[in-house]
Structures are given as C-alpha cells and as structure tokens.
Amino acid sequence: MIKLLLKLAVVGLVANAAWHVMIAYSSYYKFKDAVQQTTQFGNDKTVEVLKGRLMQLAADHDIPIEEENLKVHREEKHTITDAAYTQPIDVLPWYTRRWSFSFHIDTFSDAPLPGTTR
C-alpha cells in the first residue's frame, strides 16, 4: 500500500511539473506568433508604435519581459524583432526554476513604410 502511494505521489509531481512547463511554453508560443503577426501586418506603423504594441501583447500573454529586452528595428522592408526573458516556473511545489525564453523574428512586408508612398 505504501509503495502504491509513493508511485502516485511521484506521478502527481511529474504531472504537476509538466503542467506548469506546458503553460509557460504555451504562453511563449502564443506571444511569439502574435509578435510575428503584428510585425508582418504593422508595416504602416513606426518602430516605436510597434514596440509599444508588442509590450502590450507581452502583458496580455503574461510574459515578464522588460522593455530593454525587446528590440525592434527595420531594414528596408524587413522588421526584425529580438526578445529574451526569464520566467519562474514552479517545477515542484517547493522548487521554482527560472526558465529562459528567447526568439528572433525577421518578417518581410511589401506594404509601404510609414511616411512613404508607392
């Protein structure tokens, strides 16, 4: 009986850890997709406006990113975004691990840049 309870406890701890890690990765991928979509269809906005929108998206997805860790710049018709943040994840009920996430997105848009016409 004790052996069964120990096995159930271990399964419960593993399931708990997997759940918390999955939630963090789910938020990361949703945020990354939202950033890509925003930069791809935001070519008519300035870099400052885009960065403000991306910070709002981070807040909407519960991403703990600092403004200095989110970089947005343009090169011709490419919008390049680099982001990095660290998120604490409760791997065990008594142990929290800091998990690092980062991405580099280079989106191309043929739409006119702000202040230009075709």
PDB file of N, CA and C in Angstrom:
ATOM      1  N   MET A   1       0.828  -1.200   0.000  1.00  0.00           N
ATOM      2  CA  MET A   1       0.000   0.000   0.000  1.00  0.00           C
ATOM      3  C   MET A   1       0.875   1.269   0.000  1.00  0.00           C
ATOM      4  N   ILE A   2       1.939   1.273   0.769  1.00  0.00           N
ATOM      5  CA  ILE A   2       2.827   2.441   0.817  1.00  0.00           C
ATOM      6  C   ILE A   2       3.528   2.622  -0.522  1.00  0.00           C
ATOM      7  N   LYS A   3       3.888   1.519  -1.150  1.00  0.00           N
ATOM      8  CA  LYS A   3       4.547   1.572  -2.451  1.00  0.00           C
ATOM      9  C   LYS A   3       3.624   2.228  -3.490  1.00  0.00           C
ATOM     10  N   LEU A   4       2.355   1.896  -3.451  1.00  0.00           N
ATOM     11  CA  LEU A   4       1.380   2.488  -4.364  1.00  0.00           C
ATOM     12  C   LEU A   4       1.241   3.988  -4.109  1.00  0.00           C
ATOM     13  N   LEU A   5       1.184   4.392  -2.858  1.00  0.00           N
ATOM     14  CA  LEU A   5       1.078   5.814  -2.523  1.00  0.00           C
ATOM     15  C   LEU A   5       2.309   6.589  -2.983  1.00  0.00           C
ATOM     16  N   LEU A   6       3.492   6.000  -2.846  1.00  0.00           N
ATOM     17  CA  LEU A   6       4.711   6.662  -3.328  1.00  0.00           C
ATOM     18  C   LEU A   6       4.693   6.816  -4.844  1.00  0.00           C
ATOM     19  N   LYS A   7       4.249   5.779  -5.548  1.00  0.00           N
ATOM     20  CA  LYS A   7       4.154   5.859  -7.002  1.00  0.00           C
ATOM     21  C   LYS A   7       3.160   6.940  -7.423  1.00  0.00           C
ATOM     22  N   LEU A   8       2.026   7.000  -6.752  1.00  0.00           N
ATOM     23  CA  LEU A   8       1.031   8.025  -7.065  1.00  0.00           C
ATOM     24  C   LEU A   8       1.570   9.426  -6.779  1.00  0.00           C
ATOM     25  N   ALA A   9       2.334   9.571  -5.702  1.00  0.00           N
ATOM     26  CA  ALA A   9       2.930  10.867  -5.375  1.00  0.00           C
ATOM     27  C   ALA A   9       3.921  11.293  -6.453  1.00  0.00           C
ATOM     28  N   VAL A  10       4.738  10.366  -6.919  1.00  0.00           N
ATOM     29  CA  VAL A  10       5.711  10.676  -7.970  1.00  0.00           C
ATOM     30  C   VAL A  10       4.991  11.047  -9.267  1.00  0.00           C
ATOM     31  N   VAL A  11       3.965  10.302  -9.624  1.00  0.00           N
ATOM     32  CA  VAL A  11       3.186  10.605 -10.826  1.00  0.00           C
ATOM     33  C   VAL A  11       2.549  11.990 -10.694  1.00  0.00           C
ATOM     34  N   GLY A  12       2.036  12.298  -9.526  1.00  0.00           N
ATOM     35  CA  GLY A  12       1.433  13.609  -9.296  1.00  0.00           C
ATOM     36  C   GLY A  12       2.445  14.738  -9.433  1.00  0.00           C
ATOM     37  N   LEU A  13       3.642  14.539  -8.904  1.00  0.00           N
ATOM     38  CA  LEU A  13       4.684  15.561  -9.010  1.00  0.00           C
ATOM     39  C   LEU A  13       5.123  15.760 -10.460  1.00  0.00           C
ATOM     40  N   VAL A  14       5.266  14.673 -11.196  1.00  0.00           N
ATOM     41  CA  VAL A  14       5.656  14.770 -12.605  1.00  0.00           C
ATOM     42  C   VAL A  14       4.551  15.465 -13.410  1.00  0.00           C
ATOM     43  N   ALA A  15       3.314  15.112 -13.167  1.00  0.00           N
ATOM     44  CA  ALA A  15       2.195  15.740 -13.875  1.00  0.00           C
ATOM     45  C   ALA A  15       2.123  17.237 -13.551  1.00  0.00           C
ATOM     46  N   ASN A  16       2.344  17.595 -12.305  1.00  0.00           N
ATOM     47  CA  ASN A  16       2.337  18.999 -11.891  1.00  0.00           C
ATOM     48  C   ASN A  16       3.441  19.776 -12.606  1.00  0.00           C
ATOM     49  N   ALA A  17       4.647  19.223 -12.642  1.00  0.00           N
ATOM     50  CA  ALA A  17       5.769  19.884 -13.318  1.00  0.00           C
ATOM     51  C   ALA A  17       5.488  20.033 -14.815  1.00  0.00           C
ATOM     52  N   ALA A  18       4.995  18.980 -15.430  1.00  0.00           N
ATOM     53  CA  ALA A  18       4.691  19.031 -16.861  1.00  0.00           C
ATOM     54  C   ALA A  18       3.631  20.090 -17.160  1.00  0.00           C
ATOM     55  N   TRP A  19       2.632  20.190 -16.311  1.00  0.00           N
ATOM     56  CA  TRP A  19       1.569  21.172 -16.491  1.00  0.00           C
ATOM     57  C   TRP A  19       2.127  22.597 -16.444  1.00  0.00           C
ATOM     58  N   HIS A  20       2.952  22.896 -15.446  1.00  0.00           N
ATOM     59  CA  HIS A  20       3.498  24.246 -15.309  1.00  0.00           C
ATOM     60  C   HIS A  20       4.448  24.590 -16.457  1.00  0.00           C
ATOM     61  N   VAL A  21       5.252  23.658 -16.897  1.00  0.00           N
ATOM     62  CA  VAL A  21       6.154  23.893 -18.028  1.00  0.00           C
ATOM     63  C   VAL A  21       5.342  24.082 -19.309  1.00  0.00           C
ATOM     64  N   MET A  22       4.293  23.279 -19.489  1.00  0.00           N
ATOM     65  CA  MET A  22       3.455  23.393 -20.676  1.00  0.00           C
ATOM     66  C   MET A  22       2.759  24.755 -20.733  1.00  0.00           C
ATOM     67  N   ILE A  23       2.305  25.260 -19.610  1.00  0.00           N
ATOM     68  CA  ILE A  23       1.656  26.578 -19.580  1.00  0.00           C
ATOM     69  C   ILE A  23       2.645  27.662 -19.993  1.00  0.00           C
ATOM     70  N   ALA A  24       3.875  27.586 -19.490  1.00  0.00           N
ATOM     71  CA  ALA A  24       4.890  28.584 -19.833  1.00  0.00           C
ATOM     72  C   ALA A  24       5.227  28.535 -21.319  1.00  0.00           C
ATOM     73  N   TYR A  25       5.400  27.342 -21.868  1.00  0.00           N
ATOM     74  CA  TYR A  25       5.706  27.222 -23.296  1.00  0.00           C
ATOM     75  C   TYR A  25       4.522  27.625 -24.159  1.00  0.00           C
ATOM     76  N   SER A  26       3.315  27.343 -23.713  1.00  0.00           N
ATOM     77  CA  SER A  26       2.126  27.749 -24.456  1.00  0.00           C
ATOM     78  C   SER A  26       2.062  29.276 -24.561  1.00  0.00           C
ATOM     79  N   SER A  27       2.309  29.968 -23.469  1.00  0.00           N
ATOM     80  CA  SER A  27       2.324  31.433 -23.482  1.00  0.00           C
ATOM     81  C   SER A  27       3.430  31.957 -24.388  1.00  0.00           C
ATOM     82  N   TYR A  28       4.595  31.317 -24.342  1.00  0.00           N
ATOM     83  CA  TYR A  28       5.733  31.712 -25.177  1.00  0.00           C
ATOM     84  C   TYR A  28       5.373  31.607 -26.664  1.00  0.00           C
ATOM     85  N   TYR A  29       4.816  30.485 -27.076  1.00  0.00           N
ATOM     86  CA  TYR A  29       4.495  30.296 -28.492  1.00  0.00           C
ATOM     87  C   TYR A  29       3.350  31.208 -28.938  1.00  0.00           C
ATOM     88  N   LYS A  30       2.366  31.430 -28.088  1.00  0.00           N
ATOM     89  CA  LYS A  30       1.280  32.351 -28.438  1.00  0.00           C
ATOM     90  C   LYS A  30       1.811  33.771 -28.592  1.00  0.00           C
ATOM     91  N   PHE A  31       2.700  34.182 -27.680  1.00  0.00           N
ATOM     92  CA  PHE A  31       3.298  35.512 -27.757  1.00  0.00           C
ATOM     93  C   PHE A  31       4.159  35.645 -29.015  1.00  0.00           C
ATOM     94  N   LYS A  32       4.968  34.648 -29.289  1.00  0.00           N
ATOM     95  CA  LYS A  32       5.833  34.671 -30.465  1.00  0.00           C
ATOM     96  C   LYS A  32       5.005  34.781 -31.753  1.00  0.00           C
ATOM     97  N   ASP A  33       3.920  34.013 -31.861  1.00  0.00           N
ATOM     98  CA  ASP A  33       3.043  34.092 -33.029  1.00  0.00           C
ATOM     99  C   ASP A  33       2.384  35.465 -33.142  1.00  0.00           C
ATOM    100  N   ALA A  34       1.961  36.024 -32.008  1.00  0.00           N
ATOM    101  CA  ALA A  34       1.333  37.352 -32.026  1.00  0.00           C
ATOM    102  C   ALA A  34       2.343  38.416 -32.447  1.00  0.00           C
ATOM    103  N   VAL A  35       3.595  38.288 -32.007  1.00  0.00           N
ATOM    104  CA  VAL A  35       4.639  39.236 -32.414  1.00  0.00           C
ATOM    105  C   VAL A  35       4.860  39.138 -33.914  1.00  0.00           C
ATOM    106  N   GLN A  36       4.947  37.929 -34.440  1.00  0.00           N
ATOM    107  CA  GLN A  36       5.179  37.756 -35.875  1.00  0.00           C
ATOM    108  C   GLN A  36       4.030  38.349 -36.685  1.00  0.00           C
ATOM    109  N   GLN A  37       2.818  38.099 -36.267  1.00  0.00           N
ATOM    110  CA  GLN A  37       1.662  38.629 -36.993  1.00  0.00           C
ATOM    111  C   GLN A  37       1.619  40.155 -36.908  1.00  0.00           C
ATOM    112  N   THR A  38       1.901  40.695 -35.735  1.00  0.00           N
ATOM    113  CA  THR A  38       1.863  42.148 -35.559  1.00  0.00           C
ATOM    114  C   THR A  38       2.922  42.835 -36.405  1.00  0.00           C
ATOM    115  N   THR A  39       4.123  42.271 -36.446  1.00  0.00           N
ATOM    116  CA  THR A  39       5.179  42.906 -37.244  1.00  0.00           C
ATOM    117  C   THR A  39       4.944  42.715 -38.739  1.00  0.00           C
ATOM    118  N   GLN A  40       4.367  41.611 -39.119  1.00  0.00           N
ATOM    119  CA  GLN A  40       4.122  41.363 -40.542  1.00  0.00           C
ATOM    120  C   GLN A  40       3.059  42.311 -41.097  1.00  0.00           C
ATOM    121  N   PHE A  41       2.035  42.577 -40.307  1.00  0.00           N
ATOM    122  CA  PHE A  41       0.952  43.428 -40.783  1.00  0.00           C
ATOM    123  C   PHE A  41       0.998  44.828 -40.182  1.00  0.00           C
ATOM    124  N   GLY A  42       2.118  45.186 -39.547  1.00  0.00           N
ATOM    125  CA  GLY A  42       2.244  46.511 -38.947  1.00  0.00           C
ATOM    126  C   GLY A  42       3.275  47.367 -39.630  1.00  0.00           C
ATOM    127  N   ASN A  43       3.470  47.152 -40.908  1.00  0.00           N
ATOM    128  CA  ASN A  43       4.486  47.906 -41.638  1.00  0.00           C
ATOM    129  C   ASN A  43       4.119  49.379 -41.779  1.00  0.00           C
ATOM    130  N   ASP A  44       2.851  49.721 -41.587  1.00  0.00           N
ATOM    131  CA  ASP A  44       2.431  51.114 -41.680  1.00  0.00           C
ATOM    132  C   ASP A  44       2.627  51.869 -40.370  1.00  0.00           C
ATOM    133  N   LYS A  45       3.144  51.187 -39.350  1.00  0.00           N
ATOM    134  CA  LYS A  45       3.362  51.803 -38.035  1.00  0.00           C
ATOM    135  C   LYS A  45       4.850  52.048 -37.820  1.00  0.00           C
ATOM    136  N   THR A  46       5.163  53.022 -36.999  1.00  0.00           N
ATOM    137  CA  THR A  46       6.560  53.299 -36.684  1.00  0.00           C
ATOM    138  C   THR A  46       7.096  52.222 -35.744  1.00  0.00           C
ATOM    139  N   VAL A  47       8.414  52.157 -35.624  1.00  0.00           N
ATOM    140  CA  VAL A  47       9.049  51.173 -34.745  1.00  0.00           C
ATOM    141  C   VAL A  47       8.623  51.400 -33.294  1.00  0.00           C
ATOM    142  N   GLU A  48       8.497  52.655 -32.888  1.00  0.00           N
ATOM    143  CA  GLU A  48       8.096  52.961 -31.507  1.00  0.00           C
ATOM    144  C   GLU A  48       6.677  52.484 -31.226  1.00  0.00           C
ATOM    145  N   VAL A  49       5.772  52.693 -32.178  1.00  0.00           N
ATOM    146  CA  VAL A  49       4.387  52.238 -32.019  1.00  0.00           C
ATOM    147  C   VAL A  49       4.347  50.714 -31.977  1.00  0.00           C
ATOM    148  N   LEU A  50       5.110  50.072 -32.862  1.00  0.00           N
ATOM    149  CA  LEU A  50       5.168  48.607 -32.869  1.00  0.00           C
ATOM    150  C   LEU A  50       5.683  48.068 -31.539  1.00  0.00           C
ATOM    151  N   LYS A  51       6.740  48.677 -31.022  1.00  0.00           N
ATOM    152  CA  LYS A  51       7.311  48.211 -29.759  1.00  0.00           C
ATOM    153  C   LYS A  51       6.301  48.362 -28.618  1.00  0.00           C
ATOM    154  N   GLY A  52       5.571  49.452 -28.612  1.00  0.00           N
ATOM    155  CA  GLY A  52       4.522  49.634 -27.604  1.00  0.00           C
ATOM    156  C   GLY A  52       3.438  48.568 -27.719  1.00  0.00           C
ATOM    157  N   ARG A  53       3.063  48.246 -28.940  1.00  0.00           N
ATOM    158  CA  ARG A  53       2.050  47.196 -29.165  1.00  0.00           C
ATOM    159  C   ARG A  53       2.579  45.840 -28.720  1.00  0.00           C
ATOM    160  N   LEU A  54       3.858  45.560 -28.983  1.00  0.00           N
ATOM    161  CA  LEU A  54       4.442  44.278 -28.578  1.00  0.00           C
ATOM    162  C   LEU A  54       4.536  44.176 -27.064  1.00  0.00           C
ATOM    163  N   MET A  55       4.819  45.281 -26.391  1.00  0.00           N
ATOM    164  CA  MET A  55       4.836  45.258 -24.924  1.00  0.00           C
ATOM    165  C   MET A  55       3.429  44.993 -24.378  1.00  0.00           C
ATOM    166  N   GLN A  56       2.412  45.537 -25.048  1.00  0.00           N
ATOM    167  CA  GLN A  56       1.033  45.267 -24.648  1.00  0.00           C
ATOM    168  C   GLN A  56       0.692  43.796 -24.868  1.00  0.00           C
ATOM    169  N   LEU A  57       1.163  43.224 -25.982  1.00  0.00           N
ATOM    170  CA  LEU A  57       0.948  41.792 -26.235  1.00  0.00           C
ATOM    171  C   LEU A  57       1.623  40.945 -25.156  1.00  0.00           C
ATOM    172  N   ALA A  58       2.806  41.341 -24.734  1.00  0.00           N
ATOM    173  CA  ALA A  58       3.502  40.613 -23.672  1.00  0.00           C
ATOM    174  C   ALA A  58       2.679  40.634 -22.388  1.00  0.00           C
ATOM    175  N   ALA A  59       2.130  41.774 -22.052  1.00  0.00           N
ATOM    176  CA  ALA A  59       1.285  41.863 -20.857  1.00  0.00           C
ATOM    177  C   ALA A  59       0.029  41.005 -21.016  1.00  0.00           C
ATOM    178  N   ASP A  60      -0.556  41.004 -22.208  1.00  0.00           N
ATOM    179  CA  ASP A  60      -1.757  40.205 -22.459  1.00  0.00           C
ATOM    180  C   ASP A  60      -1.492  38.704 -22.315  1.00  0.00           C
ATOM    181  N   HIS A  61      -0.267  38.268 -22.647  1.00  0.00           N
ATOM    182  CA  HIS A  61       0.094  36.846 -22.582  1.00  0.00           C
ATOM    183  C   HIS A  61       0.856  36.491 -21.298  1.00  0.00           C
ATOM    184  N   ASP A  62       0.875  37.405 -20.336  1.00  0.00           N
ATOM    185  CA  ASP A  62       1.567  37.194 -19.049  1.00  0.00           C
ATOM    186  C   ASP A  62       3.047  36.864 -19.241  1.00  0.00           C
ATOM    187  N   ILE A  63       3.689  37.585 -20.144  1.00  0.00           N
ATOM    188  CA  ILE A  63       5.110  37.404 -20.420  1.00  0.00           C
ATOM    189  C   ILE A  63       5.875  38.469 -19.626  1.00  0.00           C
ATOM    190  N   PRO A  64       6.772  38.040 -18.731  1.00  0.00           N
ATOM    191  CA  PRO A  64       7.509  39.008 -17.897  1.00  0.00           C
ATOM    192  C   PRO A  64       8.749  39.561 -18.607  1.00  0.00           C
ATOM    193  N   ILE A  65       8.540  40.347 -19.651  1.00  0.00           N
ATOM    194  CA  ILE A  65       9.671  40.869 -20.416  1.00  0.00           C
ATOM    195  C   ILE A  65       9.881  42.344 -20.087  1.00  0.00           C
ATOM    196  N   GLU A  66      11.139  42.711 -19.965  1.00  0.00           N
ATOM    197  CA  GLU A  66      11.497  44.106 -19.735  1.00  0.00           C
ATOM    198  C   GLU A  66      11.620  44.795 -21.098  1.00  0.00           C
ATOM    199  N   GLU A  67      11.333  46.090 -21.135  1.00  0.00           N
ATOM    200  CA  GLU A  67      11.349  46.809 -22.405  1.00  0.00           C
ATOM    201  C   GLU A  67      12.731  46.788 -23.064  1.00  0.00           C
ATOM    202  N   GLU A  68      13.794  46.792 -22.266  1.00  0.00           N
ATOM    203  CA  GLU A  68      15.136  46.770 -22.856  1.00  0.00           C
ATOM    204  C   GLU A  68      15.497  45.409 -23.455  1.00  0.00           C
ATOM    205  N   ASN A  69      14.727  44.359 -23.142  1.00  0.00           N
ATOM    206  CA  ASN A  69      14.969  43.023 -23.704  1.00  0.00           C
ATOM    207  C   ASN A  69      14.122  42.735 -24.939  1.00  0.00           C
ATOM    208  N   LEU A  70      13.393  43.741 -25.392  1.00  0.00           N
ATOM    209  CA  LEU A  70      12.595  43.630 -26.614  1.00  0.00           C
ATOM    210  C   LEU A  70      13.130  44.656 -27.596  1.00  0.00           C
ATOM    211  N   LYS A  71      13.745  44.184 -28.660  1.00  0.00           N
ATOM    212  CA  LYS A  71      14.365  45.072 -29.641  1.00  0.00           C
ATOM    213  C   LYS A  71      13.646  44.925 -30.984  1.00  0.00           C
ATOM    214  N   VAL A  72      13.281  46.068 -31.556  1.00  0.00           N
ATOM    215  CA  VAL A  72      12.599  46.103 -32.846  1.00  0.00           C
ATOM    216  C   VAL A  72      13.320  47.120 -33.723  1.00  0.00           C
ATOM    217  N   HIS A  73      13.682  46.718 -34.930  1.00  0.00           N
ATOM    218  CA  HIS A  73      14.243  47.671 -35.887  1.00  0.00           C
ATOM    219  C   HIS A  73      13.891  47.235 -37.307  1.00  0.00           C
ATOM    220  N   ARG A  74      14.069  48.165 -38.228  1.00  0.00           N
ATOM    221  CA  ARG A  74      13.728  47.906 -39.627  1.00  0.00           C
ATOM    222  C   ARG A  74      14.962  48.002 -40.498  1.00  0.00           C
ATOM    223  N   GLU A  75      14.995  47.133 -41.479  1.00  0.00           N
ATOM    224  CA  GLU A  75      15.990  47.177 -42.539  1.00  0.00           C
ATOM    225  C   GLU A  75      15.223  47.018 -43.850  1.00  0.00           C
ATOM    226  N   GLU A  76      15.080  48.123 -44.562  1.00  0.00           N
ATOM    227  CA  GLU A  76      14.289  48.175 -45.788  1.00  0.00           C
ATOM    228  C   GLU A  76      12.877  47.671 -45.511  1.00  0.00           C
ATOM    229  N   LYS A  77      12.479  46.543 -46.093  1.00  0.00           N
ATOM    230  CA  LYS A  77      11.118  46.037 -45.897  1.00  0.00           C
ATOM    231  C   LYS A  77      11.052  44.905 -44.886  1.00  0.00           C
ATOM    232  N   HIS A  78      12.103  44.747 -44.107  1.00  0.00           N
ATOM    233  CA  HIS A  78      12.152  43.725 -43.062  1.00  0.00           C
ATOM    234  C   HIS A  78      11.992  44.389 -41.697  1.00  0.00           C
ATOM    235  N   THR A  79      11.154  43.795 -40.870  1.00  0.00           N
ATOM    236  CA  THR A  79      11.053  44.206 -39.475  1.00  0.00           C
ATOM    237  C   THR A  79      11.668  43.095 -38.650  1.00  0.00           C
ATOM    238  N   ILE A  80      12.699  43.432 -37.888  1.00  0.00           N
ATOM    239  CA  ILE A  80      13.449  42.437 -37.124  1.00  0.00           C
ATOM    240  C   ILE A  80      13.163  42.646 -35.646  1.00  0.00           C
ATOM    241  N   THR A  81      12.760  41.560 -34.997  1.00  0.00           N
ATOM    242  CA  THR A  81      12.421  41.598 -33.577  1.00  0.00           C
ATOM    243  C   THR A  81      13.253  40.558 -32.838  1.00  0.00           C
ATOM    244  N   ASP A  82      13.897  40.990 -31.769  1.00  0.00           N
ATOM    245  CA  ASP A  82      14.630  40.097 -30.873  1.00  0.00           C
ATOM    246  C   ASP A  82      14.058  40.277 -29.476  1.00  0.00           C
ATOM    247  N   ALA A  83      13.777  39.167 -28.823  1.00  0.00           N
ATOM    248  CA  ALA A  83      13.213  39.230 -27.478  1.00  0.00           C
ATOM    249  C   ALA A  83      13.830  38.134 -26.617  1.00  0.00           C
ATOM    250  N   ALA A  84      13.995  38.443 -25.340  1.00  0.00           N
ATOM    251  CA  ALA A  84      14.514  37.466 -24.383  1.00  0.00           C
ATOM    252  C   ALA A  84      13.943  37.802 -23.013  1.00  0.00           C
ATOM    253  N   TYR A  85      13.561  36.764 -22.302  1.00  0.00           N
ATOM    254  CA  TYR A  85      13.062  36.954 -20.939  1.00  0.00           C
ATOM    255  C   TYR A  85      13.251  35.668 -20.149  1.00  0.00           C
ATOM    256  N   THR A  86      13.171  35.799 -18.854  1.00  0.00           N
ATOM    257  CA  THR A  86      13.275  34.658 -17.956  1.00  0.00           C
ATOM    258  C   THR A  86      12.008  34.602 -17.132  1.00  0.00           C
ATOM    259  N   GLN A  87      11.436  33.409 -17.064  1.00  0.00           N
ATOM    260  CA  GLN A  87      10.175  33.232 -16.342  1.00  0.00           C
ATOM    261  C   GLN A  87      10.340  32.174 -15.262  1.00  0.00           C
ATOM    262  N   PRO A  88       9.930  32.482 -14.041  1.00  0.00           N
ATOM    263  CA  PRO A  88       9.978  31.450 -12.999  1.00  0.00           C
ATOM    264  C   PRO A  88       8.861  30.430 -13.191  1.00  0.00           C
ATOM    265  N   ILE A  89       9.219  29.154 -13.089  1.00  0.00           N
ATOM    266  CA  ILE A  89       8.249  28.068 -13.258  1.00  0.00           C
ATOM    267  C   ILE A  89       8.309  27.182 -12.017  1.00  0.00           C
ATOM    268  N   ASP A  90       7.163  26.916 -11.417  1.00  0.00           N
ATOM    269  CA  ASP A  90       7.077  26.023 -10.259  1.00  0.00           C
ATOM    270  C   ASP A  90       7.180  24.582 -10.741  1.00  0.00           C
ATOM    271  N   VAL A  91       8.400  24.056 -10.764  1.00  0.00           N
ATOM    272  CA  VAL A  91       8.613  22.690 -11.220  1.00  0.00           C
ATOM    273  C   VAL A  91       8.109  21.699 -10.165  1.00  0.00           C
ATOM    274  N   LEU A  92       8.368  21.987  -8.929  1.00  0.00           N
ATOM    275  CA  LEU A  92       7.842  21.213  -7.799  1.00  0.00           C
ATOM    276  C   LEU A  92       7.163  22.201  -6.861  1.00  0.00           C
ATOM    277  N   PRO A  93       6.264  21.751  -6.026  1.00  0.00           N
ATOM    278  CA  PRO A  93       5.588  22.686  -5.124  1.00  0.00           C
ATOM    279  C   PRO A  93       6.563  23.488  -4.246  1.00  0.00           C
ATOM    280  N   TRP A  94       7.726  22.964  -3.973  1.00  0.00           N
ATOM    281  CA  TRP A  94       8.701  23.651  -3.121  1.00  0.00           C
ATOM    282  C   TRP A  94       9.927  24.139  -3.898  1.00  0.00           C
ATOM    283  N   TYR A  95       9.916  24.011  -5.231  1.00  0.00           N
ATOM    284  CA  TYR A  95      11.076  24.384  -6.033  1.00  0.00           C
ATOM    285  C   TYR A  95      10.635  25.133  -7.288  1.00  0.00           C
ATOM    286  N   THR A  96      11.157  26.347  -7.436  1.00  0.00           N
ATOM    287  CA  THR A  96      10.888  27.169  -8.608  1.00  0.00           C
ATOM    288  C   THR A  96      12.174  27.314  -9.404  1.00  0.00           C
ATOM    289  N   ARG A  97      12.079  27.099 -10.709  1.00  0.00           N
ATOM    290  CA  ARG A  97      13.247  27.219 -11.578  1.00  0.00           C
ATOM    291  C   ARG A  97      13.009  28.354 -12.563  1.00  0.00           C
ATOM    292  N   ARG A  98      14.047  29.148 -12.804  1.00  0.00           N
ATOM    293  CA  ARG A  98      13.955  30.233 -13.771  1.00  0.00           C
ATOM    294  C   ARG A  98      14.271  29.678 -15.157  1.00  0.00           C
ATOM    295  N   TRP A  99      13.335  29.844 -16.086  1.00  0.00           N
ATOM    296  CA  TRP A  99      13.431  29.292 -17.424  1.00  0.00           C
ATOM    297  C   TRP A  99      13.637  30.442 -18.403  1.00  0.00           C
ATOM    298  N   SER A 100      14.624  30.322 -19.276  1.00  0.00           N
ATOM    299  CA  SER A 100      14.922  31.382 -20.246  1.00  0.00           C
ATOM    300  C   SER A 100      14.229  31.096 -21.580  1.00  0.00           C
ATOM    301  N   PHE A 101      13.647  32.137 -22.143  1.00  0.00           N
ATOM    302  CA  PHE A 101      13.000  32.073 -23.445  1.00  0.00           C
ATOM    303  C   PHE A 101      13.560  33.202 -24.304  1.00  0.00           C
ATOM    304  N   SER A 102      13.738  32.939 -25.584  1.00  0.00           N
ATOM    305  CA  SER A 102      14.173  33.995 -26.499  1.00  0.00           C
ATOM    306  C   SER A 102      13.749  33.635 -27.917  1.00  0.00           C
ATOM    307  N   PHE A 103      13.663  34.662 -28.759  1.00  0.00           N
ATOM    308  CA  PHE A 103      13.380  34.413 -30.167  1.00  0.00           C
ATOM    309  C   PHE A 103      13.889  35.563 -31.014  1.00  0.00           C
ATOM    310  N   HIS A 104      14.066  35.268 -32.291  1.00  0.00           N
ATOM    311  CA  HIS A 104      14.475  36.227 -33.318  1.00  0.00           C
ATOM    312  C   HIS A 104      13.490  36.063 -34.464  1.00  0.00           C
ATOM    313  N   ILE A 105      12.809  37.131 -34.801  1.00  0.00           N
ATOM    314  CA  ILE A 105      11.817  37.075 -35.881  1.00  0.00           C
ATOM    315  C   ILE A 105      12.186  38.127 -36.922  1.00  0.00           C
ATOM    316  N   ASP A 106      12.274  37.702 -38.165  1.00  0.00           N
ATOM    317  CA  ASP A 106      12.539  38.590 -39.289  1.00  0.00           C
ATOM    318  C   ASP A 106      11.342  38.478 -40.228  1.00  0.00           C
ATOM    319  N   THR A 107      10.499  39.514 -40.244  1.00  0.00           N
ATOM    320  CA  THR A 107       9.313  39.483 -41.097  1.00  0.00           C
ATOM    321  C   THR A 107       9.506  40.421 -42.280  1.00  0.00           C
ATOM    322  N   PHE A 108       8.963  40.017 -43.392  1.00  0.00           N
ATOM    323  CA  PHE A 108       9.030  40.796 -44.621  1.00  0.00           C
ATOM    324  C   PHE A 108       7.631  41.271 -44.962  1.00  0.00           C
ATOM    325  N   SER A 109       7.527  42.533 -45.335  1.00  0.00           N
ATOM    326  CA  SER A 109       6.248  43.058 -45.780  1.00  0.00           C
ATOM    327  C   SER A 109       6.491  43.967 -46.973  1.00  0.00           C
ATOM    328  N   ASP A 110       5.666  43.824 -47.967  1.00  0.00           N
ATOM    329  CA  ASP A 110       5.784  44.635 -49.171  1.00  0.00           C
ATOM    330  C   ASP A 110       4.944  45.898 -49.066  1.00  0.00           C
ATOM    331  N   ALA A 111       4.278  46.113 -47.945  1.00  0.00           N
ATOM    332  CA  ALA A 111       3.479  47.306 -47.762  1.00  0.00           C
ATOM    333  C   ALA A 111       4.415  48.512 -47.601  1.00  0.00           C
ATOM    334  N   PRO A 112       3.928  49.709 -47.930  1.00  0.00           N
ATOM    335  CA  PRO A 112       4.782  50.884 -47.804  1.00  0.00           C
ATOM    336  C   PRO A 112       5.135  51.175 -46.345  1.00  0.00           C
ATOM    337  N   LEU A 113       6.348  51.669 -46.134  1.00  0.00           N
ATOM    338  CA  LEU A 113       6.806  52.061 -44.792  1.00  0.00           C
ATOM    339  C   LEU A 113       6.126  53.355 -44.385  1.00  0.00           C
ATOM    340  N   PRO A 114       6.096  53.679 -43.090  1.00  0.00           N
ATOM    341  CA  PRO A 114       5.489  54.926 -42.647  1.00  0.00           C
ATOM    342  C   PRO A 114       6.156  56.126 -43.304  1.00  0.00           C
ATOM    343  N   GLY A 115       5.363  57.042 -43.814  1.00  0.00           N
ATOM    344  CA  GLY A 115       5.891  58.226 -44.440  1.00  0.00           C
ATOM    345  C   GLY A 115       6.296  58.066 -45.897  1.00  0.00           C
ATOM    346  N   THR A 116       6.058  56.876 -46.471  1.00  0.00           N
ATOM    347  CA  THR A 116       6.389  56.669 -47.885  1.00  0.00           C
ATOM    348  C   THR A 116       5.121  56.289 -48.637  1.00  0.00           C
ATOM    349  N   THR A 117       5.151  56.502 -49.926  1.00  0.00           N
ATOM    350  CA  THR A 117       4.026  56.098 -50.775  1.00  0.00           C
ATOM    351  C   THR A 117       4.571  55.285 -51.929  1.00  0.00           C
ATOM    352  N   ARG A 118       3.701  54.522 -52.526  1.00  0.00           N
ATOM    353  CA  ARG A 118       4.107  53.711 -53.689  1.00  0.00           C
ATOM    354  C   ARG A 118       3.990  54.467 -54.953  1.00  0.00           C
TER     355      ARG A 118
END
